[in-house]
Amino acid sequence: MRTQPAAFLKLLVLLVPREMKVEHRGGVKAMTDEQLEAGIEAIQRMLEARATGEGSKVIDAVPEPVALPAPSRKPRRKRGAEAKPAPSL
């Protein structure tokens, strides 16, 4: 993987099928009332968990100040109309 990334990616592509057949079977219309109610309850529990923040990670920290490097003092070349004309010989 590290020495020959192109060959590695080629092998990964060979693992993926060229064609994939997807079929829908019934969906919500084929579900019973009990299955629908169970699905609605599961969705409500997920929404409540998201709203209360259950399972979320909270980072309690204060950022430390970081010193930035000093700007370089290298003079820049001027372009266009700002440039000085070249000395004539």
N, C-alpha and C. Protein backbone atom coordinates (compact mmCIF):
# COMPACT_ATOMS: atom_id res chain seq x y z
N MET A 1 0.84 -1.18 0.00
CA MET A 1 0.00 0.00 0.00
C MET A 1 0.89 1.25 0.00
N ARG A 2 1.92 1.26 0.81
CA ARG A 2 2.76 2.46 0.89
C ARG A 2 3.79 2.52 -0.22
N THR A 3 4.26 1.37 -0.65
CA THR A 3 5.29 1.39 -1.69
C THR A 3 4.71 1.50 -3.09
N GLN A 4 3.52 0.94 -3.31
CA GLN A 4 2.89 0.99 -4.63
C GLN A 4 1.41 1.34 -4.49
N PRO A 5 1.10 2.62 -4.26
CA PRO A 5 -0.31 3.00 -4.06
C PRO A 5 -1.17 2.78 -5.29
N ALA A 6 -0.62 2.93 -6.47
CA ALA A 6 -1.41 2.72 -7.69
C ALA A 6 -1.86 1.27 -7.81
N ALA A 7 -0.96 0.35 -7.53
CA ALA A 7 -1.31 -1.07 -7.60
C ALA A 7 -2.33 -1.42 -6.52
N PHE A 8 -2.19 -0.81 -5.35
CA PHE A 8 -3.13 -1.06 -4.26
C PHE A 8 -4.54 -0.61 -4.65
N LEU A 9 -4.65 0.59 -5.21
CA LEU A 9 -5.97 1.08 -5.63
C LEU A 9 -6.56 0.22 -6.73
N LYS A 10 -5.72 -0.27 -7.62
CA LYS A 10 -6.20 -1.14 -8.69
C LYS A 10 -6.81 -2.41 -8.11
N LEU A 11 -6.19 -2.97 -7.08
CA LEU A 11 -6.73 -4.16 -6.43
C LEU A 11 -8.05 -3.85 -5.72
N LEU A 12 -8.13 -2.69 -5.10
CA LEU A 12 -9.39 -2.30 -4.45
C LEU A 12 -10.52 -2.18 -5.46
N VAL A 13 -10.24 -1.62 -6.61
CA VAL A 13 -11.26 -1.46 -7.65
C VAL A 13 -11.75 -2.82 -8.11
N LEU A 14 -10.86 -3.80 -8.17
CA LEU A 14 -11.26 -5.13 -8.60
C LEU A 14 -12.20 -5.81 -7.60
N LEU A 15 -12.19 -5.36 -6.34
CA LEU A 15 -13.07 -5.94 -5.33
C LEU A 15 -14.51 -5.44 -5.44
N VAL A 16 -14.70 -4.30 -6.07
CA VAL A 16 -16.04 -3.71 -6.20
C VAL A 16 -16.74 -4.31 -7.42
N PRO A 17 -17.98 -4.77 -7.26
CA PRO A 17 -18.68 -5.33 -8.43
C PRO A 17 -18.97 -4.25 -9.46
N ARG A 18 -18.95 -4.65 -10.73
CA ARG A 18 -19.20 -3.70 -11.82
C ARG A 18 -20.66 -3.28 -11.86
N GLU A 19 -21.56 -4.22 -11.62
CA GLU A 19 -22.98 -3.92 -11.64
C GLU A 19 -23.61 -4.42 -10.34
N MET A 20 -24.60 -3.69 -9.88
CA MET A 20 -25.27 -4.09 -8.66
C MET A 20 -26.76 -3.90 -8.86
N LYS A 21 -27.51 -4.96 -8.61
CA LYS A 21 -28.94 -4.92 -8.80
C LYS A 21 -29.61 -4.59 -7.46
N VAL A 22 -30.43 -3.55 -7.46
CA VAL A 22 -31.12 -3.13 -6.25
C VAL A 22 -32.62 -3.26 -6.49
N GLU A 23 -33.29 -3.95 -5.57
CA GLU A 23 -34.74 -4.12 -5.69
C GLU A 23 -35.42 -3.64 -4.42
N HIS A 24 -36.54 -3.00 -4.59
CA HIS A 24 -37.35 -2.58 -3.45
C HIS A 24 -38.47 -3.60 -3.29
N ARG A 25 -38.62 -4.07 -2.07
CA ARG A 25 -39.64 -5.08 -1.81
C ARG A 25 -40.63 -4.54 -0.80
N GLY A 26 -41.74 -4.09 -1.26
CA GLY A 26 -42.82 -3.69 -0.37
C GLY A 26 -42.61 -2.37 0.33
N GLY A 27 -41.54 -2.24 1.08
CA GLY A 27 -41.29 -1.02 1.84
C GLY A 27 -42.26 -0.85 2.98
N VAL A 28 -42.69 0.37 3.19
CA VAL A 28 -43.59 0.68 4.30
C VAL A 28 -44.97 0.05 4.09
N LYS A 29 -45.39 -0.04 2.86
CA LYS A 29 -46.72 -0.60 2.58
C LYS A 29 -46.83 -2.07 2.96
N ALA A 30 -45.71 -2.78 2.95
CA ALA A 30 -45.73 -4.21 3.27
C ALA A 30 -45.58 -4.46 4.77
N MET A 31 -45.32 -3.42 5.55
CA MET A 31 -45.13 -3.59 7.00
C MET A 31 -46.47 -3.71 7.72
N THR A 32 -46.45 -4.49 8.80
CA THR A 32 -47.66 -4.61 9.62
C THR A 32 -47.77 -3.39 10.53
N ASP A 33 -48.93 -3.23 11.16
CA ASP A 33 -49.12 -2.11 12.07
C ASP A 33 -48.12 -2.15 13.23
N GLU A 34 -47.83 -3.35 13.74
CA GLU A 34 -46.88 -3.49 14.84
C GLU A 34 -45.48 -3.07 14.40
N GLN A 35 -45.09 -3.46 13.19
CA GLN A 35 -43.77 -3.09 12.68
C GLN A 35 -43.68 -1.58 12.48
N LEU A 36 -44.75 -0.98 11.99
CA LEU A 36 -44.76 0.47 11.80
C LEU A 36 -44.64 1.19 13.14
N GLU A 37 -45.40 0.75 14.14
CA GLU A 37 -45.34 1.37 15.46
C GLU A 37 -43.96 1.21 16.08
N ALA A 38 -43.36 0.04 15.93
CA ALA A 38 -42.02 -0.18 16.47
C ALA A 38 -41.00 0.73 15.77
N GLY A 39 -41.15 0.90 14.47
CA GLY A 39 -40.25 1.78 13.73
C GLY A 39 -40.39 3.24 14.15
N ILE A 40 -41.64 3.67 14.34
CA ILE A 40 -41.89 5.05 14.78
C ILE A 40 -41.31 5.28 16.17
N GLU A 41 -41.48 4.32 17.07
CA GLU A 41 -40.92 4.46 18.42
C GLU A 41 -39.40 4.51 18.40
N ALA A 42 -38.78 3.70 17.54
CA ALA A 42 -37.32 3.72 17.44
C ALA A 42 -36.83 5.07 16.92
N ILE A 43 -37.52 5.61 15.94
CA ILE A 43 -37.13 6.92 15.40
C ILE A 43 -37.31 8.00 16.46
N GLN A 44 -38.40 7.94 17.22
CA GLN A 44 -38.62 8.93 18.29
C GLN A 44 -37.53 8.85 19.34
N ARG A 45 -37.11 7.63 19.71
CA ARG A 45 -36.03 7.48 20.69
C ARG A 45 -34.72 8.07 20.16
N MET A 46 -34.44 7.84 18.89
CA MET A 46 -33.21 8.40 18.29
C MET A 46 -33.25 9.92 18.28
N LEU A 47 -34.40 10.49 17.94
CA LEU A 47 -34.52 11.95 17.93
C LEU A 47 -34.40 12.54 19.33
N GLU A 48 -34.99 11.87 20.32
CA GLU A 48 -34.88 12.34 21.70
C GLU A 48 -33.43 12.26 22.19
N ALA A 49 -32.74 11.18 21.84
CA ALA A 49 -31.34 11.02 22.24
C ALA A 49 -30.49 12.12 21.61
N ARG A 50 -30.77 12.44 20.37
CA ARG A 50 -30.02 13.49 19.69
C ARG A 50 -30.30 14.85 20.33
N ALA A 51 -31.55 15.09 20.71
CA ALA A 51 -31.92 16.38 21.29
C ALA A 51 -31.31 16.56 22.68
N THR A 52 -31.24 15.49 23.46
CA THR A 52 -30.67 15.59 24.81
C THR A 52 -29.16 15.49 24.81
N GLY A 53 -28.57 15.08 23.72
CA GLY A 53 -27.12 14.99 23.64
C GLY A 53 -26.55 13.71 24.21
N GLU A 54 -27.36 12.70 24.38
CA GLU A 54 -26.86 11.42 24.89
C GLU A 54 -25.86 10.84 23.91
N GLY A 55 -24.78 10.34 24.44
CA GLY A 55 -23.78 9.70 23.60
C GLY A 55 -22.85 10.68 22.91
N SER A 56 -23.07 11.98 23.09
CA SER A 56 -22.17 12.94 22.45
C SER A 56 -21.00 13.22 23.38
N LYS A 57 -19.88 13.53 22.79
CA LYS A 57 -18.67 13.82 23.56
C LYS A 57 -18.54 15.32 23.71
N VAL A 58 -18.29 15.76 24.93
CA VAL A 58 -18.10 17.18 25.20
C VAL A 58 -16.65 17.40 25.59
N ILE A 59 -16.02 18.32 24.92
CA ILE A 59 -14.63 18.65 25.22
C ILE A 59 -14.63 19.87 26.12
N ASP A 60 -14.12 19.70 27.32
CA ASP A 60 -14.07 20.80 28.28
C ASP A 60 -12.61 21.24 28.37
N ALA A 61 -12.24 22.23 27.55
CA ALA A 61 -10.85 22.67 27.52
C ALA A 61 -10.80 24.15 27.16
N VAL A 62 -9.67 24.75 27.48
CA VAL A 62 -9.43 26.15 27.14
C VAL A 62 -8.25 26.17 26.17
N PRO A 63 -8.39 26.83 25.03
CA PRO A 63 -7.27 26.84 24.08
C PRO A 63 -6.09 27.64 24.62
N GLU A 64 -4.90 27.13 24.35
CA GLU A 64 -3.69 27.82 24.78
C GLU A 64 -3.23 28.75 23.67
N PRO A 65 -2.75 29.94 24.01
CA PRO A 65 -2.26 30.85 22.96
C PRO A 65 -1.00 30.28 22.32
N VAL A 66 -0.91 30.47 21.03
CA VAL A 66 0.23 29.95 20.27
C VAL A 66 0.91 31.13 19.60
N ALA A 67 2.24 31.19 19.72
CA ALA A 67 2.99 32.27 19.08
C ALA A 67 3.16 31.95 17.60
N LEU A 68 2.87 32.94 16.75
CA LEU A 68 3.06 32.77 15.32
C LEU A 68 4.48 33.16 14.93
N PRO A 69 5.02 32.59 13.87
CA PRO A 69 6.37 32.95 13.46
C PRO A 69 6.41 34.39 12.95
N ALA A 70 7.56 35.03 13.12
CA ALA A 70 7.72 36.41 12.67
C ALA A 70 7.69 36.46 11.14
N PRO A 71 7.12 37.52 10.57
CA PRO A 71 7.08 37.62 9.11
C PRO A 71 8.49 37.79 8.54
N SER A 72 8.68 37.29 7.35
CA SER A 72 10.00 37.40 6.73
C SER A 72 10.24 38.84 6.28
N ARG A 73 11.48 39.28 6.33
CA ARG A 73 11.84 40.64 5.95
C ARG A 73 12.40 40.70 4.54
N LYS A 74 12.22 39.66 3.78
CA LYS A 74 12.73 39.60 2.42
C LYS A 74 11.94 40.56 1.54
N PRO A 75 12.61 41.51 0.86
CA PRO A 75 11.87 42.45 0.01
C PRO A 75 11.26 41.73 -1.18
N ARG A 76 10.08 42.17 -1.55
CA ARG A 76 9.39 41.57 -2.69
C ARG A 76 9.65 42.38 -3.95
N ARG A 77 9.62 41.69 -5.07
CA ARG A 77 9.78 42.38 -6.36
C ARG A 77 8.50 43.12 -6.68
N LYS A 78 8.65 44.28 -7.25
CA LYS A 78 7.49 45.05 -7.67
C LYS A 78 7.15 44.66 -9.10
N ARG A 79 5.87 44.69 -9.41
CA ARG A 79 5.41 44.30 -10.74
C ARG A 79 4.74 45.46 -11.44
N GLY A 80 4.73 45.41 -12.74
CA GLY A 80 3.95 46.34 -13.55
C GLY A 80 4.40 47.79 -13.40
N ALA A 81 3.46 48.71 -13.19
CA ALA A 81 3.74 50.15 -13.14
C ALA A 81 4.55 50.52 -11.91
N GLU A 82 4.50 49.70 -10.85
CA GLU A 82 5.24 50.00 -9.63
C GLU A 82 6.72 49.74 -9.76
N ALA A 83 7.11 48.94 -10.73
CA ALA A 83 8.52 48.58 -10.88
C ALA A 83 9.33 49.75 -11.38
N LYS A 84 10.58 49.80 -10.93
CA LYS A 84 11.47 50.86 -11.39
C LYS A 84 11.95 50.51 -12.81
N PRO A 85 12.12 51.51 -13.65
CA PRO A 85 12.61 51.21 -14.99
C PRO A 85 14.06 50.72 -14.92
N ALA A 86 14.41 49.82 -15.82
CA ALA A 86 15.77 49.29 -15.86
C ALA A 86 16.71 50.40 -16.33
N PRO A 87 17.93 50.43 -15.76
CA PRO A 87 18.87 51.47 -16.20
C PRO A 87 19.25 51.25 -17.67
N SER A 88 19.29 52.34 -18.41
CA SER A 88 19.65 52.24 -19.83
C SER A 88 21.15 52.31 -19.99
N LEU A 89 21.66 51.61 -20.98
CA LEU A 89 23.10 51.56 -21.23
C LEU A 89 23.52 52.46 -22.32
